[in-house]
Amino acid sequence: MDKYQGMVYSEALKFTKNPDEAEDITQEIFLKAFESLSIFKGHSKFPTWLYKIGKNIALSKARKEKNTPIDSHQEFNPNQYQDNRWSQVTLEIENLENEMKQKVRSLIARLPSIYKKPLVLYYFENMSYKEISEHLDIKINTLKSYILRGKDLMKSWMNHEEK
């Protein structure tokens, strides 16, 4: 926690613009990370994983703020417009991510099952190479080859569609 607290706090401060709220969010992020530590597979670096947790918490807070009824007697807050802009940007990013996820799912659906099964098990079911090779009864090097070929095929399709 000591190693990453500064990074997490500074990101939370960028989002909230309020030191007290940033401290609360930092604690919330580390609590969520501690609770989820058993599911951290190491596919990404730990700081990247923490950042993703923080981003999800920030998006959740932005959604809650968006649904909060406006009190007509509430004091004018000049930062409110900045917060609304941040909420809009985070929602746009979330929409783009959802579009990309949908695109990836449609590309995976087009793959021959020899490539599709390993990719789904590895990326969506978070199974290790060893688990997948046992599940599909194939050698690990063959499995790695199938995953690589499946990804290459999907990249090729994406590049062809962009042109």
C-alpha atoms as a PDB file:
ATOM      1  CA  MET A   1       0.000   0.000   0.000  1.00  0.00           C
ATOM      2  CA  ASP A   2       2.824   2.384   0.869  1.00  0.00           C
ATOM      3  CA  LYS A   3       4.390   1.839  -2.557  1.00  0.00           C
ATOM      4  CA  TYR A   4       1.274   2.798  -4.546  1.00  0.00           C
ATOM      5  CA  GLN A   5      -0.584   5.166  -2.218  1.00  0.00           C
ATOM      6  CA  GLY A   6       0.868   8.311  -3.816  1.00  0.00           C
ATOM      7  CA  MET A   7      -0.068   7.211  -7.326  1.00  0.00           C
ATOM      8  CA  VAL A   8      -3.600   6.190  -6.327  1.00  0.00           C
ATOM      9  CA  TYR A   9      -4.162   9.373  -4.305  1.00  0.00           C
ATOM     10  CA  SER A  10      -2.950  11.658  -7.122  1.00  0.00           C
ATOM     11  CA  GLU A  11      -5.306   9.961  -9.618  1.00  0.00           C
ATOM     12  CA  ALA A  12      -8.192  10.246  -7.148  1.00  0.00           C
ATOM     13  CA  LEU A  13      -7.356  13.932  -6.600  1.00  0.00           C
ATOM     14  CA  LYS A  14      -7.420  14.554 -10.366  1.00  0.00           C
ATOM     15  CA  PHE A  15     -10.917  13.076 -10.440  1.00  0.00           C
ATOM     16  CA  THR A  16     -12.385  14.717  -7.314  1.00  0.00           C
ATOM     17  CA  LYS A  17     -10.447  18.004  -7.099  1.00  0.00           C
ATOM     18  CA  ASN A  18     -10.989  17.619  -3.336  1.00  0.00           C
ATOM     19  CA  PRO A  19      -8.258  16.280  -0.995  1.00  0.00           C
ATOM     20  CA  ASP A  20     -10.732  14.821   1.519  1.00  0.00           C
ATOM     21  CA  GLU A  21     -12.730  13.008  -1.166  1.00  0.00           C
ATOM     22  CA  ALA A  22      -9.497  11.832  -2.779  1.00  0.00           C
ATOM     23  CA  GLU A  23      -8.422  10.283   0.545  1.00  0.00           C
ATOM     24  CA  ASP A  24     -11.788   8.521   0.835  1.00  0.00           C
ATOM     25  CA  ILE A  25     -11.555   7.184  -2.705  1.00  0.00           C
ATOM     26  CA  THR A  26      -7.947   6.081  -2.131  1.00  0.00           C
ATOM     27  CA  GLN A  27      -9.057   4.064   0.905  1.00  0.00           C
ATOM     28  CA  GLU A  28     -11.972   2.641  -1.085  1.00  0.00           C
ATOM     29  CA  ILE A  29      -9.631   1.589  -3.910  1.00  0.00           C
ATOM     30  CA  PHE A  30      -7.204  -0.159  -1.556  1.00  0.00           C
ATOM     31  CA  LEU A  31     -10.068  -1.848   0.288  1.00  0.00           C
ATOM     32  CA  LYS A  32     -11.491  -3.130  -3.007  1.00  0.00           C
ATOM     33  CA  ALA A  33      -8.013  -4.248  -4.115  1.00  0.00           C
ATOM     34  CA  PHE A  34      -7.480  -6.111  -0.831  1.00  0.00           C
ATOM     35  CA  GLU A  35     -10.875  -7.808  -1.137  1.00  0.00           C
ATOM     36  CA  SER A  36     -10.125  -8.773  -4.760  1.00  0.00           C
ATOM     37  CA  LEU A  37      -6.486  -9.766  -4.287  1.00  0.00           C
ATOM     38  CA  SER A  38      -7.326 -13.460  -4.526  1.00  0.00           C
ATOM     39  CA  ILE A  39      -8.582 -12.995  -8.103  1.00  0.00           C
ATOM     40  CA  PHE A  40      -5.546 -10.997  -9.283  1.00  0.00           C
ATOM     41  CA  LYS A  41      -3.961 -13.319 -11.857  1.00  0.00           C
ATOM     42  CA  GLY A  42      -0.951 -11.186 -12.745  1.00  0.00           C
ATOM     43  CA  HIS A  43      -1.951 -10.829 -16.408  1.00  0.00           C
ATOM     44  CA  SER A  44      -1.282  -7.122 -16.023  1.00  0.00           C
ATOM     45  CA  LYS A  45       1.074  -5.248 -13.740  1.00  0.00           C
ATOM     46  CA  PHE A  46      -0.218  -4.544 -10.239  1.00  0.00           C
ATOM     47  CA  PRO A  47      -0.331  -0.732 -10.711  1.00  0.00           C
ATOM     48  CA  THR A  48      -2.382  -1.231 -13.894  1.00  0.00           C
ATOM     49  CA  TRP A  49      -4.792  -3.446 -11.975  1.00  0.00           C
ATOM     50  CA  LEU A  50      -5.076  -0.825  -9.193  1.00  0.00           C
ATOM     51  CA  TYR A  51      -5.678   1.885 -11.795  1.00  0.00           C
ATOM     52  CA  LYS A  52      -8.488  -0.212 -13.328  1.00  0.00           C
ATOM     53  CA  ILE A  53     -10.113  -0.608  -9.893  1.00  0.00           C
ATOM     54  CA  GLY A  54      -9.857   3.144  -9.367  1.00  0.00           C
ATOM     55  CA  LYS A  55     -11.321   3.852 -12.796  1.00  0.00           C
ATOM     56  CA  ASN A  56     -14.270   1.561 -12.075  1.00  0.00           C
ATOM     57  CA  ILE A  57     -14.893   3.257  -8.724  1.00  0.00           C
ATOM     58  CA  ALA A  58     -14.679   6.700 -10.400  1.00  0.00           C
ATOM     59  CA  LEU A  59     -17.123   5.650 -13.135  1.00  0.00           C
ATOM     60  CA  SER A  60     -19.486   4.285 -10.510  1.00  0.00           C
ATOM     61  CA  LYS A  61     -19.354   7.546  -8.571  1.00  0.00           C
ATOM     62  CA  ALA A  62     -19.888   9.555 -11.771  1.00  0.00           C
ATOM     63  CA  ARG A  63     -22.986   7.480 -12.567  1.00  0.00           C
ATOM     64  CA  LYS A  64     -24.338   7.956  -9.043  1.00  0.00           C
ATOM     65  CA  GLU A  65     -23.743  11.718  -9.246  1.00  0.00           C
ATOM     66  CA  LYS A  66     -25.499  11.843 -12.606  1.00  0.00           C
ATOM     67  CA  ASN A  67     -28.576  10.198 -11.059  1.00  0.00           C
ATOM     68  CA  THR A  68     -28.561  12.420  -7.962  1.00  0.00           C
ATOM     69  CA  PRO A  69     -31.561  14.795  -7.953  1.00  0.00           C
ATOM     70  CA  ILE A  70     -30.628  18.483  -8.073  1.00  0.00           C
ATOM     71  CA  ASP A  71     -31.596  20.539  -5.028  1.00  0.00           C
ATOM     72  CA  SER A  72     -32.826  23.976  -6.127  1.00  0.00           C
ATOM     73  CA  HIS A  73     -31.561  25.444  -2.833  1.00  0.00           C
ATOM     74  CA  GLN A  74     -28.077  24.036  -3.329  1.00  0.00           C
ATOM     75  CA  GLU A  75     -25.235  26.576  -3.381  1.00  0.00           C
ATOM     76  CA  PHE A  76     -23.621  27.358  -6.725  1.00  0.00           C
ATOM     77  CA  ASN A  77     -20.536  25.208  -7.212  1.00  0.00           C
ATOM     78  CA  PRO A  78     -18.177  26.458  -9.942  1.00  0.00           C
ATOM     79  CA  ASN A  79     -16.488  23.038 -10.026  1.00  0.00           C
ATOM     80  CA  GLN A  80     -19.855  21.446 -10.831  1.00  0.00           C
ATOM     81  CA  TYR A  81     -19.365  22.137 -14.536  1.00  0.00           C
ATOM     82  CA  GLN A  82     -15.894  20.580 -14.460  1.00  0.00           C
ATOM     83  CA  ASP A  83     -17.339  17.531 -12.632  1.00  0.00           C
ATOM     84  CA  ASN A  84     -20.144  17.253 -15.194  1.00  0.00           C
ATOM     85  CA  ARG A  85     -17.599  17.443 -18.020  1.00  0.00           C
ATOM     86  CA  TRP A  86     -15.547  14.717 -16.307  1.00  0.00           C
ATOM     87  CA  SER A  87     -18.668  12.572 -15.993  1.00  0.00           C
ATOM     88  CA  GLN A  88     -19.433  13.099 -19.673  1.00  0.00           C
ATOM     89  CA  VAL A  89     -15.871  12.177 -20.690  1.00  0.00           C
ATOM     90  CA  THR A  90     -15.860   9.050 -18.523  1.00  0.00           C
ATOM     91  CA  LEU A  91     -19.200   7.967 -19.985  1.00  0.00           C
ATOM     92  CA  GLU A  92     -17.861   8.529 -23.514  1.00  0.00           C
ATOM     93  CA  ILE A  93     -14.812   6.411 -22.675  1.00  0.00           C
ATOM     94  CA  GLU A  94     -17.052   3.716 -21.244  1.00  0.00           C
ATOM     95  CA  ASN A  95     -19.164   3.761 -24.444  1.00  0.00           C
ATOM     96  CA  LEU A  96     -16.042   3.395 -26.592  1.00  0.00           C
ATOM     97  CA  GLU A  97     -14.843   0.519 -24.415  1.00  0.00           C
ATOM     98  CA  ASN A  98     -18.230  -1.175 -24.746  1.00  0.00           C
ATOM     99  CA  GLU A  99     -18.135  -0.755 -28.533  1.00  0.00           C
ATOM    100  CA  MET A 100     -14.648  -2.270 -28.636  1.00  0.00           C
ATOM    101  CA  LYS A 101     -15.729  -5.179 -26.432  1.00  0.00           C
ATOM    102  CA  GLN A 102     -18.675  -5.810 -28.752  1.00  0.00           C
ATOM    103  CA  LYS A 103     -16.370  -5.673 -31.772  1.00  0.00           C
ATOM    104  CA  VAL A 104     -13.978  -8.166 -30.168  1.00  0.00           C
ATOM    105  CA  ARG A 105     -16.874 -10.479 -29.300  1.00  0.00           C
ATOM    106  CA  SER A 106     -18.144 -10.389 -32.883  1.00  0.00           C
ATOM    107  CA  LEU A 107     -14.652 -11.136 -34.210  1.00  0.00           C
ATOM    108  CA  ILE A 108     -14.253 -14.025 -31.786  1.00  0.00           C
ATOM    109  CA  ALA A 109     -17.618 -15.396 -32.892  1.00  0.00           C
ATOM    110  CA  ARG A 110     -16.305 -15.541 -36.485  1.00  0.00           C
ATOM    111  CA  LEU A 111     -13.224 -17.575 -35.529  1.00  0.00           C
ATOM    112  CA  PRO A 112     -13.011 -21.288 -36.206  1.00  0.00           C
ATOM    113  CA  SER A 113     -13.637 -23.146 -32.935  1.00  0.00           C
ATOM    114  CA  ILE A 114     -10.035 -24.428 -32.872  1.00  0.00           C
ATOM    115  CA  TYR A 115      -8.966 -20.798 -32.172  1.00  0.00           C
ATOM    116  CA  LYS A 116     -12.138 -19.548 -30.482  1.00  0.00           C
ATOM    117  CA  LYS A 117     -12.196 -22.009 -27.566  1.00  0.00           C
ATOM    118  CA  PRO A 118      -8.637 -21.296 -26.347  1.00  0.00           C
ATOM    119  CA  LEU A 119      -9.116 -17.521 -26.676  1.00  0.00           C
ATOM    120  CA  VAL A 120     -12.389 -17.549 -24.748  1.00  0.00           C
ATOM    121  CA  LEU A 121     -10.993 -19.778 -22.000  1.00  0.00           C
ATOM    122  CA  TYR A 122      -7.835 -17.704 -21.646  1.00  0.00           C
ATOM    123  CA  TYR A 123      -9.202 -14.161 -21.886  1.00  0.00           C
ATOM    124  CA  PHE A 124     -12.771 -14.497 -20.647  1.00  0.00           C
ATOM    125  CA  GLU A 125     -12.589 -17.453 -18.268  1.00  0.00           C
ATOM    126  CA  ASN A 126      -9.115 -16.451 -16.972  1.00  0.00           C
ATOM    127  CA  MET A 127      -7.843 -20.016 -17.227  1.00  0.00           C
ATOM    128  CA  SER A 128      -4.096 -20.660 -17.325  1.00  0.00           C
ATOM    129  CA  TYR A 129      -2.378 -22.300 -20.288  1.00  0.00           C
ATOM    130  CA  LYS A 130      -1.984 -25.446 -18.215  1.00  0.00           C
ATOM    131  CA  GLU A 131      -5.693 -25.546 -17.307  1.00  0.00           C
ATOM    132  CA  ILE A 132      -6.729 -24.966 -20.915  1.00  0.00           C
ATOM    133  CA  SER A 133      -4.340 -27.565 -22.295  1.00  0.00           C
ATOM    134  CA  GLU A 134      -5.760 -30.134 -19.866  1.00  0.00           C
ATOM    135  CA  HIS A 135      -9.350 -29.070 -20.560  1.00  0.00           C
ATOM    136  CA  LEU A 136      -8.927 -29.236 -24.358  1.00  0.00           C
ATOM    137  CA  ASP A 137      -6.444 -32.128 -24.230  1.00  0.00           C
ATOM    138  CA  ILE A 138      -3.787 -30.351 -26.306  1.00  0.00           C
ATOM    139  CA  LYS A 139      -0.120 -29.543 -25.699  1.00  0.00           C
ATOM    140  CA  ILE A 140       0.720 -26.131 -24.255  1.00  0.00           C
ATOM    141  CA  ASN A 141       2.801 -25.115 -27.303  1.00  0.00           C
ATOM    142  CA  THR A 142      -0.093 -26.058 -29.595  1.00  0.00           C
ATOM    143  CA  LEU A 143      -2.413 -24.017 -27.385  1.00  0.00           C
ATOM    144  CA  LYS A 144      -0.114 -20.974 -27.565  1.00  0.00           C
ATOM    145  CA  SER A 145      -0.022 -21.352 -31.330  1.00  0.00           C
ATOM    146  CA  TYR A 146      -3.833 -21.467 -31.549  1.00  0.00           C
ATOM    147  CA  ILE A 147      -4.170 -18.357 -29.382  1.00  0.00           C
ATOM    148  CA  LEU A 148      -1.574 -16.488 -31.453  1.00  0.00           C
ATOM    149  CA  ARG A 149      -3.170 -17.521 -34.751  1.00  0.00           C
ATOM    150  CA  GLY A 150      -6.631 -16.563 -33.500  1.00  0.00           C
ATOM    151  CA  LYS A 151      -5.414 -13.125 -32.411  1.00  0.00           C
ATOM    152  CA  ASP A 152      -3.565 -12.639 -35.707  1.00  0.00           C
ATOM    153  CA  LEU A 153      -6.672 -13.561 -37.667  1.00  0.00           C
ATOM    154  CA  MET A 154      -8.772 -11.094 -35.653  1.00  0.00           C
ATOM    155  CA  LYS A 155      -6.164  -8.339 -36.198  1.00  0.00           C
ATOM    156  CA  SER A 156      -6.191  -9.062 -39.901  1.00  0.00           C
ATOM    157  CA  TRP A 157      -9.984  -8.767 -40.017  1.00  0.00           C
ATOM    158  CA  MET A 158      -9.892  -5.502 -38.060  1.00  0.00           C
ATOM    159  CA  ASN A 159      -7.208  -4.036 -40.331  1.00  0.00           C
ATOM    160  CA  HIS A 160      -9.165  -5.063 -43.416  1.00  0.00           C
ATOM    161  CA  GLU A 161     -12.369  -3.437 -42.065  1.00  0.00           C
ATOM    162  CA  GLU A 162     -10.556  -0.161 -41.263  1.00  0.00           C
ATOM    163  CA  LYS A 163      -9.405   0.308 -44.868  1.00  0.00           C
END
